[in-house]
Amino acid sequence: MLGADAPAPLTAQLRAAIDQCPPSTLAARMRAVLCVDVRAQVADLPMPITAVVGTRDRLVPGPVAREPALLARHGHVVTLDAPHLVLQRRPREVATLLATLR
């Protein structure tokens, strides 16, 4: 989720966070993600949606990650050279990007 080139301290922080979460909670979250389909509702949202997608995301394929923003009336897709956890690996770039979308 962080990429093979992730700094060791960041990897340790992610492991610690995951270790604090019961396996049943992680499993329930994965089941929920696989079962939820709100594509029809996304098209009706009045606010903008920005999908920040990592080009090296091996957990959620690019087309799936981009779909909500593409379905939205006011959707934007931004792709960064990053793994799944884009915000953790590219925080400054994402913050700058989001500030320019206002």
PDB file of N, CA and C in Angstrom:
ATOM      1  N   MET A   1       0.808  -1.198   0.000  1.00  0.00           N
ATOM      2  CA  MET A   1       0.000   0.000   0.000  1.00  0.00           C
ATOM      3  C   MET A   1       0.854   1.267   0.000  1.00  0.00           C
ATOM      4  N   LEU A   2       2.054   1.180   0.553  1.00  0.00           N
ATOM      5  CA  LEU A   2       2.950   2.327   0.602  1.00  0.00           C
ATOM      6  C   LEU A   2       4.005   2.302  -0.487  1.00  0.00           C
ATOM      7  N   GLY A   3       4.143   1.196  -1.188  1.00  0.00           N
ATOM      8  CA  GLY A   3       5.164   1.066  -2.218  1.00  0.00           C
ATOM      9  C   GLY A   3       6.441   0.472  -1.661  1.00  0.00           C
ATOM     10  N   ALA A   4       7.168  -0.182  -2.542  1.00  0.00           N
ATOM     11  CA  ALA A   4       8.411  -0.854  -2.135  1.00  0.00           C
ATOM     12  C   ALA A   4       9.482   0.131  -1.678  1.00  0.00           C
ATOM     13  N   ASP A   5       9.383   1.368  -2.129  1.00  0.00           N
ATOM     14  CA  ASP A   5      10.388   2.375  -1.788  1.00  0.00           C
ATOM     15  C   ASP A   5       9.986   3.244  -0.593  1.00  0.00           C
ATOM     16  N   ALA A   6       8.999   2.809   0.175  1.00  0.00           N
ATOM     17  CA  ALA A   6       8.529   3.589   1.321  1.00  0.00           C
ATOM     18  C   ALA A   6       9.595   3.658   2.405  1.00  0.00           C
ATOM     19  N   PRO A   7       9.702   4.808   3.057  1.00  0.00           N
ATOM     20  CA  PRO A   7      10.647   4.926   4.172  1.00  0.00           C
ATOM     21  C   PRO A   7      10.266   3.963   5.296  1.00  0.00           C
ATOM     22  N   ALA A   8      11.250   3.385   5.937  1.00  0.00           N
ATOM     23  CA  ALA A   8      11.018   2.409   7.004  1.00  0.00           C
ATOM     24  C   ALA A   8      10.135   2.964   8.133  1.00  0.00           C
ATOM     25  N   PRO A   9      10.328   4.217   8.580  1.00  0.00           N
ATOM     26  CA  PRO A   9       9.463   4.720   9.655  1.00  0.00           C
ATOM     27  C   PRO A   9       7.985   4.782   9.243  1.00  0.00           C
ATOM     28  N   LEU A  10       7.713   5.140   8.000  1.00  0.00           N
ATOM     29  CA  LEU A  10       6.330   5.196   7.533  1.00  0.00           C
ATOM     30  C   LEU A  10       5.729   3.797   7.470  1.00  0.00           C
ATOM     31  N   THR A  11       6.511   2.847   7.011  1.00  0.00           N
ATOM     32  CA  THR A  11       6.052   1.458   6.971  1.00  0.00           C
ATOM     33  C   THR A  11       5.761   0.949   8.379  1.00  0.00           C
ATOM     34  N   ALA A  12       6.609   1.302   9.322  1.00  0.00           N
ATOM     35  CA  ALA A  12       6.399   0.884  10.716  1.00  0.00           C
ATOM     36  C   ALA A  12       5.125   1.507  11.277  1.00  0.00           C
ATOM     37  N   GLN A  13       4.865   2.770  10.948  1.00  0.00           N
ATOM     38  CA  GLN A  13       3.643   3.424  11.413  1.00  0.00           C
ATOM     39  C   GLN A  13       2.403   2.738  10.841  1.00  0.00           C
ATOM     40  N   LEU A  14       2.445   2.369   9.574  1.00  0.00           N
ATOM     41  CA  LEU A  14       1.305   1.686   8.959  1.00  0.00           C
ATOM     42  C   LEU A  14       1.089   0.323   9.611  1.00  0.00           C
ATOM     43  N   ARG A  15       2.163  -0.421   9.815  1.00  0.00           N
ATOM     44  CA  ARG A  15       2.039  -1.723  10.475  1.00  0.00           C
ATOM     45  C   ARG A  15       1.442  -1.583  11.872  1.00  0.00           C
ATOM     46  N   ALA A  16       1.887  -0.586  12.606  1.00  0.00           N
ATOM     47  CA  ALA A  16       1.371  -0.372  13.967  1.00  0.00           C
ATOM     48  C   ALA A  16      -0.116  -0.043  13.929  1.00  0.00           C
ATOM     49  N   ALA A  17      -0.523   0.775  12.982  1.00  0.00           N
ATOM     50  CA  ALA A  17      -1.941   1.137  12.869  1.00  0.00           C
ATOM     51  C   ALA A  17      -2.787  -0.081  12.514  1.00  0.00           C
ATOM     52  N   ILE A  18      -2.315  -0.892  11.584  1.00  0.00           N
ATOM     53  CA  ILE A  18      -3.053  -2.102  11.185  1.00  0.00           C
ATOM     54  C   ILE A  18      -3.106  -3.093  12.340  1.00  0.00           C
ATOM     55  N   ASP A  19      -1.999  -3.225  13.075  1.00  0.00           N
ATOM     56  CA  ASP A  19      -1.958  -4.150  14.208  1.00  0.00           C
ATOM     57  C   ASP A  19      -2.945  -3.777  15.314  1.00  0.00           C
ATOM     58  N   GLN A  20      -3.312  -2.502  15.415  1.00  0.00           N
ATOM     59  CA  GLN A  20      -4.269  -2.067  16.429  1.00  0.00           C
ATOM     60  C   GLN A  20      -5.707  -2.388  16.040  1.00  0.00           C
ATOM     61  N   CYS A  21      -5.911  -2.728  14.800  1.00  0.00           N
ATOM     62  CA  CYS A  21      -7.266  -2.981  14.303  1.00  0.00           C
ATOM     63  C   CYS A  21      -7.531  -4.488  14.314  1.00  0.00           C
ATOM     64  N   PRO A  22      -8.612  -4.925  14.951  1.00  0.00           N
ATOM     65  CA  PRO A  22      -8.915  -6.360  14.977  1.00  0.00           C
ATOM     66  C   PRO A  22      -9.116  -6.914  13.562  1.00  0.00           C
ATOM     67  N   PRO A  23      -8.636  -8.118  13.298  1.00  0.00           N
ATOM     68  CA  PRO A  23      -8.814  -8.725  11.969  1.00  0.00           C
ATOM     69  C   PRO A  23     -10.279  -8.750  11.524  1.00  0.00           C
ATOM     70  N   SER A  24     -11.198  -8.935  12.457  1.00  0.00           N
ATOM     71  CA  SER A  24     -12.616  -8.954  12.078  1.00  0.00           C
ATOM     72  C   SER A  24     -13.067  -7.598  11.540  1.00  0.00           C
ATOM     73  N   THR A  25     -12.501  -6.525  12.075  1.00  0.00           N
ATOM     74  CA  THR A  25     -12.840  -5.188  11.590  1.00  0.00           C
ATOM     75  C   THR A  25     -12.293  -4.980  10.188  1.00  0.00           C
ATOM     76  N   LEU A  26     -11.066  -5.401   9.960  1.00  0.00           N
ATOM     77  CA  LEU A  26     -10.483  -5.289   8.622  1.00  0.00           C
ATOM     78  C   LEU A  26     -11.283  -6.103   7.611  1.00  0.00           C
ATOM     79  N   ALA A  27     -11.674  -7.303   8.001  1.00  0.00           N
ATOM     80  CA  ALA A  27     -12.461  -8.156   7.103  1.00  0.00           C
ATOM     81  C   ALA A  27     -13.823  -7.532   6.812  1.00  0.00           C
ATOM     82  N   ALA A  28     -14.457  -6.974   7.819  1.00  0.00           N
ATOM     83  CA  ALA A  28     -15.757  -6.333   7.617  1.00  0.00           C
ATOM     84  C   ALA A  28     -15.636  -5.130   6.694  1.00  0.00           C
ATOM     85  N   ARG A  29     -14.573  -4.390   6.842  1.00  0.00           N
ATOM     86  CA  ARG A  29     -14.362  -3.232   5.966  1.00  0.00           C
ATOM     87  C   ARG A  29     -14.172  -3.678   4.520  1.00  0.00           C
ATOM     88  N   MET A  30     -13.406  -4.718   4.319  1.00  0.00           N
ATOM     89  CA  MET A  30     -13.198  -5.217   2.954  1.00  0.00           C
ATOM     90  C   MET A  30     -14.514  -5.724   2.355  1.00  0.00           C
ATOM     91  N   ARG A  31     -15.305  -6.419   3.148  1.00  0.00           N
ATOM     92  CA  ARG A  31     -16.611  -6.888   2.652  1.00  0.00           C
ATOM     93  C   ARG A  31     -17.497  -5.710   2.265  1.00  0.00           C
ATOM     94  N   ALA A  32     -17.498  -4.677   3.087  1.00  0.00           N
ATOM     95  CA  ALA A  32     -18.317  -3.498   2.807  1.00  0.00           C
ATOM     96  C   ALA A  32     -17.874  -2.819   1.519  1.00  0.00           C
ATOM     97  N   VAL A  33     -16.583  -2.687   1.336  1.00  0.00           N
ATOM     98  CA  VAL A  33     -16.061  -2.060   0.118  1.00  0.00           C
ATOM     99  C   VAL A  33     -16.488  -2.850  -1.119  1.00  0.00           C
ATOM    100  N   LEU A  34     -16.469  -4.165  -1.005  1.00  0.00           N
ATOM    101  CA  LEU A  34     -16.837  -5.000  -2.154  1.00  0.00           C
ATOM    102  C   LEU A  34     -18.334  -5.008  -2.431  1.00  0.00           C
ATOM    103  N   CYS A  35     -19.134  -4.698  -1.428  1.00  0.00           N
ATOM    104  CA  CYS A  35     -20.594  -4.786  -1.579  1.00  0.00           C
ATOM    105  C   CYS A  35     -21.279  -3.464  -1.907  1.00  0.00           C
ATOM    106  N   VAL A  36     -20.621  -2.351  -1.656  1.00  0.00           N
ATOM    107  CA  VAL A  36     -21.260  -1.052  -1.833  1.00  0.00           C
ATOM    108  C   VAL A  36     -21.186  -0.614  -3.290  1.00  0.00           C
ATOM    109  N   ASP A  37     -22.314  -0.150  -3.806  1.00  0.00           N
ATOM    110  CA  ASP A  37     -22.361   0.390  -5.164  1.00  0.00           C
ATOM    111  C   ASP A  37     -23.213   1.658  -5.131  1.00  0.00           C
ATOM    112  N   VAL A  38     -22.561   2.791  -5.138  1.00  0.00           N
ATOM    113  CA  VAL A  38     -23.276   4.069  -5.077  1.00  0.00           C
ATOM    114  C   VAL A  38     -23.070   4.882  -6.363  1.00  0.00           C
ATOM    115  N   ARG A  39     -22.790   4.186  -7.446  1.00  0.00           N
ATOM    116  CA  ARG A  39     -22.546   4.897  -8.705  1.00  0.00           C
ATOM    117  C   ARG A  39     -23.710   5.791  -9.100  1.00  0.00           C
ATOM    118  N   ALA A  40     -24.926   5.323  -8.947  1.00  0.00           N
ATOM    119  CA  ALA A  40     -26.084   6.135  -9.332  1.00  0.00           C
ATOM    120  C   ALA A  40     -26.186   7.390  -8.470  1.00  0.00           C
ATOM    121  N   GLN A  41     -25.896   7.272  -7.191  1.00  0.00           N
ATOM    122  CA  GLN A  41     -25.996   8.417  -6.294  1.00  0.00           C
ATOM    123  C   GLN A  41     -24.882   9.439  -6.549  1.00  0.00           C
ATOM    124  N   VAL A  42     -23.718   8.970  -6.957  1.00  0.00           N
ATOM    125  CA  VAL A  42     -22.590   9.872  -7.202  1.00  0.00           C
ATOM    126  C   VAL A  42     -22.939  10.867  -8.304  1.00  0.00           C
ATOM    127  N   ALA A  43     -23.628  10.412  -9.313  1.00  0.00           N
ATOM    128  CA  ALA A  43     -23.989  11.295 -10.426  1.00  0.00           C
ATOM    129  C   ALA A  43     -24.885  12.442  -9.981  1.00  0.00           C
ATOM    130  N   ASP A  44     -25.592  12.292  -8.877  1.00  0.00           N
ATOM    131  CA  ASP A  44     -26.500  13.326  -8.386  1.00  0.00           C
ATOM    132  C   ASP A  44     -25.865  14.284  -7.389  1.00  0.00           C
ATOM    133  N   LEU A  45     -24.631  14.061  -6.988  1.00  0.00           N
ATOM    134  CA  LEU A  45     -24.000  14.923  -5.982  1.00  0.00           C
ATOM    135  C   LEU A  45     -23.733  16.311  -6.555  1.00  0.00           C
ATOM    136  N   PRO A  46     -24.094  17.364  -5.810  1.00  0.00           N
ATOM    137  CA  PRO A  46     -23.892  18.722  -6.320  1.00  0.00           C
ATOM    138  C   PRO A  46     -22.462  19.245  -6.113  1.00  0.00           C
ATOM    139  N   MET A  47     -21.700  18.605  -5.233  1.00  0.00           N
ATOM    140  CA  MET A  47     -20.366  19.097  -4.944  1.00  0.00           C
ATOM    141  C   MET A  47     -19.326  18.411  -5.827  1.00  0.00           C
ATOM    142  N   PRO A  48     -18.171  19.068  -5.994  1.00  0.00           N
ATOM    143  CA  PRO A  48     -17.119  18.454  -6.818  1.00  0.00           C
ATOM    144  C   PRO A  48     -16.490  17.247  -6.124  1.00  0.00           C
ATOM    145  N   ILE A  49     -16.030  16.325  -6.931  1.00  0.00           N
ATOM    146  CA  ILE A  49     -15.336  15.139  -6.436  1.00  0.00           C
ATOM    147  C   ILE A  49     -13.990  15.080  -7.146  1.00  0.00           C
ATOM    148  N   THR A  50     -12.937  14.926  -6.379  1.00  0.00           N
ATOM    149  CA  THR A  50     -11.610  14.780  -6.954  1.00  0.00           C
ATOM    150  C   THR A  50     -11.056  13.429  -6.557  1.00  0.00           C
ATOM    151  N   ALA A  51     -10.687  12.638  -7.531  1.00  0.00           N
ATOM    152  CA  ALA A  51     -10.036  11.357  -7.276  1.00  0.00           C
ATOM    153  C   ALA A  51      -8.540  11.555  -7.476  1.00  0.00           C
ATOM    154  N   VAL A  52      -7.780  11.310  -6.434  1.00  0.00           N
ATOM    155  CA  VAL A  52      -6.326  11.371  -6.529  1.00  0.00           C
ATOM    156  C   VAL A  52      -5.858   9.923  -6.606  1.00  0.00           C
ATOM    157  N   VAL A  53      -5.374   9.541  -7.765  1.00  0.00           N
ATOM    158  CA  VAL A  53      -5.074   8.148  -8.069  1.00  0.00           C
ATOM    159  C   VAL A  53      -3.569   7.959  -8.222  1.00  0.00           C
ATOM    160  N   GLY A  54      -3.050   6.935  -7.569  1.00  0.00           N
ATOM    161  CA  GLY A  54      -1.638   6.605  -7.702  1.00  0.00           C
ATOM    162  C   GLY A  54      -1.394   5.694  -8.892  1.00  0.00           C
ATOM    163  N   THR A  55      -0.403   6.020  -9.695  1.00  0.00           N
ATOM    164  CA  THR A  55      -0.088   5.195 -10.871  1.00  0.00           C
ATOM    165  C   THR A  55       0.464   3.831 -10.479  1.00  0.00           C
ATOM    166  N   ARG A  56       0.963   3.711  -9.253  1.00  0.00           N
ATOM    167  CA  ARG A  56       1.520   2.429  -8.795  1.00  0.00           C
ATOM    168  C   ARG A  56       0.621   1.743  -7.775  1.00  0.00           C
ATOM    169  N   ASP A  57      -0.663   2.076  -7.791  1.00  0.00           N
ATOM    170  CA  ASP A  57      -1.627   1.462  -6.875  1.00  0.00           C
ATOM    171  C   ASP A  57      -1.891   0.031  -7.321  1.00  0.00           C
ATOM    172  N   ARG A  58      -1.506  -0.926  -6.491  1.00  0.00           N
ATOM    173  CA  ARG A  58      -1.724  -2.337  -6.822  1.00  0.00           C
ATOM    174  C   ARG A  58      -2.924  -2.908  -6.075  1.00  0.00           C
ATOM    175  N   LEU A  59      -3.593  -2.074  -5.270  1.00  0.00           N
ATOM    176  CA  LEU A  59      -4.752  -2.528  -4.509  1.00  0.00           C
ATOM    177  C   LEU A  59      -6.065  -2.201  -5.238  1.00  0.00           C
ATOM    178  N   VAL A  60      -6.187  -0.976  -5.717  1.00  0.00           N
ATOM    179  CA  VAL A  60      -7.384  -0.555  -6.444  1.00  0.00           C
ATOM    180  C   VAL A  60      -6.962  -0.182  -7.859  1.00  0.00           C
ATOM    181  N   PRO A  61      -7.430  -0.918  -8.862  1.00  0.00           N
ATOM    182  CA  PRO A  61      -7.039  -0.618 -10.245  1.00  0.00           C
ATOM    183  C   PRO A  61      -7.455   0.799 -10.649  1.00  0.00           C
ATOM    184  N   GLY A  62      -6.656   1.436 -11.490  1.00  0.00           N
ATOM    185  CA  GLY A  62      -6.902   2.804 -11.931  1.00  0.00           C
ATOM    186  C   GLY A  62      -8.316   3.080 -12.404  1.00  0.00           C
ATOM    187  N   PRO A  63      -8.875   2.260 -13.309  1.00  0.00           N
ATOM    188  CA  PRO A  63     -10.238   2.540 -13.770  1.00  0.00           C
ATOM    189  C   PRO A  63     -11.267   2.541 -12.632  1.00  0.00           C
ATOM    190  N   VAL A  64     -11.089   1.678 -11.662  1.00  0.00           N
ATOM    191  CA  VAL A  64     -12.011   1.621 -10.522  1.00  0.00           C
ATOM    192  C   VAL A  64     -11.834   2.865  -9.648  1.00  0.00           C
ATOM    193  N   ALA A  65     -10.607   3.281  -9.425  1.00  0.00           N
ATOM    194  CA  ALA A  65     -10.337   4.455  -8.590  1.00  0.00           C
ATOM    195  C   ALA A  65     -10.850   5.736  -9.239  1.00  0.00           C
ATOM    196  N   ARG A  66     -10.803   5.791 -10.570  1.00  0.00           N
ATOM    197  CA  ARG A  66     -11.240   6.995 -11.289  1.00  0.00           C
ATOM    198  C   ARG A  66     -12.748   7.071 -11.478  1.00  0.00           C
ATOM    199  N   GLU A  67     -13.426   5.944 -11.433  1.00  0.00           N
ATOM    200  CA  GLU A  67     -14.840   5.893 -11.795  1.00  0.00           C
ATOM    201  C   GLU A  67     -15.742   6.876 -11.042  1.00  0.00           C
ATOM    202  N   PRO A  68     -15.674   6.994  -9.711  1.00  0.00           N
ATOM    203  CA  PRO A  68     -16.586   7.939  -9.038  1.00  0.00           C
ATOM    204  C   PRO A  68     -16.456   9.369  -9.565  1.00  0.00           C
ATOM    205  N   ALA A  69     -15.232   9.822  -9.755  1.00  0.00           N
ATOM    206  CA  ALA A  69     -15.044  11.186 -10.248  1.00  0.00           C
ATOM    207  C   ALA A  69     -15.538  11.330 -11.682  1.00  0.00           C
ATOM    208  N   LEU A  70     -15.384  10.295 -12.465  1.00  0.00           N
ATOM    209  CA  LEU A  70     -15.841  10.361 -13.856  1.00  0.00           C
ATOM    210  C   LEU A  70     -17.363  10.342 -13.954  1.00  0.00           C
ATOM    211  N   LEU A  71     -18.013   9.730 -12.985  1.00  0.00           N
ATOM    212  CA  LEU A  71     -19.477   9.689 -12.977  1.00  0.00           C
ATOM    213  C   LEU A  71     -20.097  10.963 -12.421  1.00  0.00           C
ATOM    214  N   ALA A  72     -19.353  11.698 -11.625  1.00  0.00           N
ATOM    215  CA  ALA A  72     -19.867  12.905 -10.976  1.00  0.00           C
ATOM    216  C   ALA A  72     -20.012  14.046 -11.977  1.00  0.00           C
ATOM    217  N   ARG A  73     -20.984  14.891 -11.705  1.00  0.00           N
ATOM    218  CA  ARG A  73     -21.195  16.077 -12.553  1.00  0.00           C
ATOM    219  C   ARG A  73     -19.972  16.977 -12.543  1.00  0.00           C
ATOM    220  N   HIS A  74     -19.368  17.127 -11.371  1.00  0.00           N
ATOM    221  CA  HIS A  74     -18.218  18.020 -11.208  1.00  0.00           C
ATOM    222  C   HIS A  74     -17.017  17.205 -10.737  1.00  0.00           C
ATOM    223  N   GLY A  75     -16.611  16.244 -11.535  1.00  0.00           N
ATOM    224  CA  GLY A  75     -15.537  15.350 -11.134  1.00  0.00           C
ATOM    225  C   GLY A  75     -14.214  15.690 -11.777  1.00  0.00           C
ATOM    226  N   HIS A  76     -13.160  15.434 -11.047  1.00  0.00           N
ATOM    227  CA  HIS A  76     -11.798  15.622 -11.532  1.00  0.00           C
ATOM    228  C   HIS A  76     -10.993  14.380 -11.169  1.00  0.00           C
ATOM    229  N   VAL A  77     -10.093  13.999 -12.036  1.00  0.00           N
ATOM    230  CA  VAL A  77      -9.172  12.909 -11.748  1.00  0.00           C
ATOM    231  C   VAL A  77      -7.763  13.454 -11.874  1.00  0.00           C
ATOM    232  N   VAL A  78      -6.971  13.214 -10.850  1.00  0.00           N
ATOM    233  CA  VAL A  78      -5.572  13.604 -10.860  1.00  0.00           C
ATOM    234  C   VAL A  78      -4.759  12.356 -10.587  1.00  0.00           C
ATOM    235  N   THR A  79      -3.770  12.141 -11.401  1.00  0.00           N
ATOM    236  CA  THR A  79      -2.923  10.961 -11.249  1.00  0.00           C
ATOM    237  C   THR A  79      -1.532  11.400 -10.807  1.00  0.00           C
ATOM    238  N   LEU A  80      -1.042  10.765  -9.753  1.00  0.00           N
ATOM    239  CA  LEU A  80       0.306  11.038  -9.253  1.00  0.00           C
ATOM    240  C   LEU A  80       1.118   9.752  -9.258  1.00  0.00           C
ATOM    241  N   ASP A  81       2.412   9.907  -9.401  1.00  0.00           N
ATOM    242  CA  ASP A  81       3.313   8.757  -9.322  1.00  0.00           C
ATOM    243  C   ASP A  81       3.405   8.353  -7.855  1.00  0.00           C
ATOM    244  N   ALA A  82       2.539   7.408  -7.476  1.00  0.00           N
ATOM    245  CA  ALA A  82       2.458   7.003  -6.072  1.00  0.00           C
ATOM    246  C   ALA A  82       1.770   5.647  -5.978  1.00  0.00           C
ATOM    247  N   PRO A  83       1.932   4.971  -4.830  1.00  0.00           N
ATOM    248  CA  PRO A  83       1.212   3.719  -4.581  1.00  0.00           C
ATOM    249  C   PRO A  83      -0.206   4.010  -4.075  1.00  0.00           C
ATOM    250  N   HIS A  84      -0.863   3.019  -3.521  1.00  0.00           N
ATOM    251  CA  HIS A  84      -2.241   3.139  -3.063  1.00  0.00           C
ATOM    252  C   HIS A  84      -2.425   4.269  -2.045  1.00  0.00           C
ATOM    253  N   LEU A  85      -1.563   4.351  -1.069  1.00  0.00           N
ATOM    254  CA  LEU A  85      -1.695   5.382  -0.041  1.00  0.00           C
ATOM    255  C   LEU A  85      -1.032   6.677  -0.519  1.00  0.00           C
ATOM    256  N   VAL A  86      -1.680   7.301  -1.479  1.00  0.00           N
ATOM    257  CA  VAL A  86      -1.157   8.504  -2.118  1.00  0.00           C
ATOM    258  C   VAL A  86      -0.945   9.623  -1.101  1.00  0.00           C
ATOM    259  N   LEU A  87      -1.912   9.833  -0.233  1.00  0.00           N
ATOM    260  CA  LEU A  87      -1.808  10.945   0.719  1.00  0.00           C
ATOM    261  C   LEU A  87      -0.630  10.774   1.676  1.00  0.00           C
ATOM    262  N   GLN A  88      -0.348   9.532   2.049  1.00  0.00           N
ATOM    263  CA  GLN A  88       0.756   9.282   2.976  1.00  0.00           C
ATOM    264  C   GLN A  88       2.115   9.429   2.286  1.00  0.00           C
ATOM    265  N   ARG A  89       2.159   9.122   1.006  1.00  0.00           N
ATOM    266  CA  ARG A  89       3.434   9.173   0.282  1.00  0.00           C
ATOM    267  C   ARG A  89       3.694  10.503  -0.403  1.00  0.00           C
ATOM    268  N   ARG A  90       2.646  11.227  -0.765  1.00  0.00           N
ATOM    269  CA  ARG A  90       2.817  12.498  -1.486  1.00  0.00           C
ATOM    270  C   ARG A  90       1.983  13.612  -0.845  1.00  0.00           C
ATOM    271  N   PRO A  91       2.094  13.808   0.472  1.00  0.00           N
ATOM    272  CA  PRO A  91       1.203  14.752   1.158  1.00  0.00           C
ATOM    273  C   PRO A  91       1.298  16.192   0.657  1.00  0.00           C
ATOM    274  N   ARG A  92       2.488  16.676   0.404  1.00  0.00           N
ATOM    275  CA  ARG A  92       2.631  18.068  -0.036  1.00  0.00           C
ATOM    276  C   ARG A  92       2.009  18.280  -1.411  1.00  0.00           C
ATOM    277  N   GLU A  93       2.260  17.340  -2.317  1.00  0.00           N
ATOM    278  CA  GLU A  93       1.714  17.474  -3.670  1.00  0.00           C
ATOM    279  C   GLU A  93       0.186  17.428  -3.658  1.00  0.00           C
ATOM    280  N   VAL A  94      -0.372  16.547  -2.840  1.00  0.00           N
ATOM    281  CA  VAL A  94      -1.831  16.445  -2.756  1.00  0.00           C
ATOM    282  C   VAL A  94      -2.412  17.710  -2.131  1.00  0.00           C
ATOM    283  N   ALA A  95      -1.795  18.222  -1.085  1.00  0.00           N
ATOM    284  CA  ALA A  95      -2.286  19.446  -0.445  1.00  0.00           C
ATOM    285  C   ALA A  95      -2.246  20.616  -1.427  1.00  0.00           C
ATOM    286  N   THR A  96      -1.168  20.741  -2.155  1.00  0.00           N
ATOM    287  CA  THR A  96      -1.048  21.816  -3.153  1.00  0.00           C
ATOM    288  C   THR A  96      -2.095  21.664  -4.233  1.00  0.00           C
ATOM    289  N   LEU A  97      -2.280  20.452  -4.685  1.00  0.00           N
ATOM    290  CA  LEU A  97      -3.277  20.170  -5.713  1.00  0.00           C
ATOM    291  C   LEU A  97      -4.681  20.550  -5.240  1.00  0.00           C
ATOM    292  N   LEU A  98      -5.052  20.113  -4.061  1.00  0.00           N
ATOM    293  CA  LEU A  98      -6.394  20.379  -3.540  1.00  0.00           C
ATOM    294  C   LEU A  98      -6.601  21.875  -3.304  1.00  0.00           C
ATOM    295  N   ALA A  99      -5.550  22.577  -2.917  1.00  0.00           N
ATOM    296  CA  ALA A  99      -5.671  24.023  -2.697  1.00  0.00           C
ATOM    297  C   ALA A  99      -5.926  24.754  -4.013  1.00  0.00           C
ATOM    298  N   THR A 100      -5.428  24.230  -5.112  1.00  0.00           N
ATOM    299  CA  THR A 100      -5.622  24.896  -6.411  1.00  0.00           C
ATOM    300  C   THR A 100      -6.986  24.583  -7.019  1.00  0.00           C
ATOM    301  N   LEU A 101      -7.704  23.598  -6.501  1.00  0.00           N
ATOM    302  CA  LEU A 101      -8.998  23.234  -7.063  1.00  0.00           C
ATOM    303  C   LEU A 101     -10.136  24.116  -6.567  1.00  0.00           C
ATOM    304  N   ARG A 102      -9.897  24.945  -5.594  1.00  0.00           N
ATOM    305  CA  ARG A 102     -10.967  25.775  -5.027  1.00  0.00           C
ATOM    306  C   ARG A 102     -11.543  26.706  -6.038  1.00  0.00           C
TER     307      ARG A 102
END
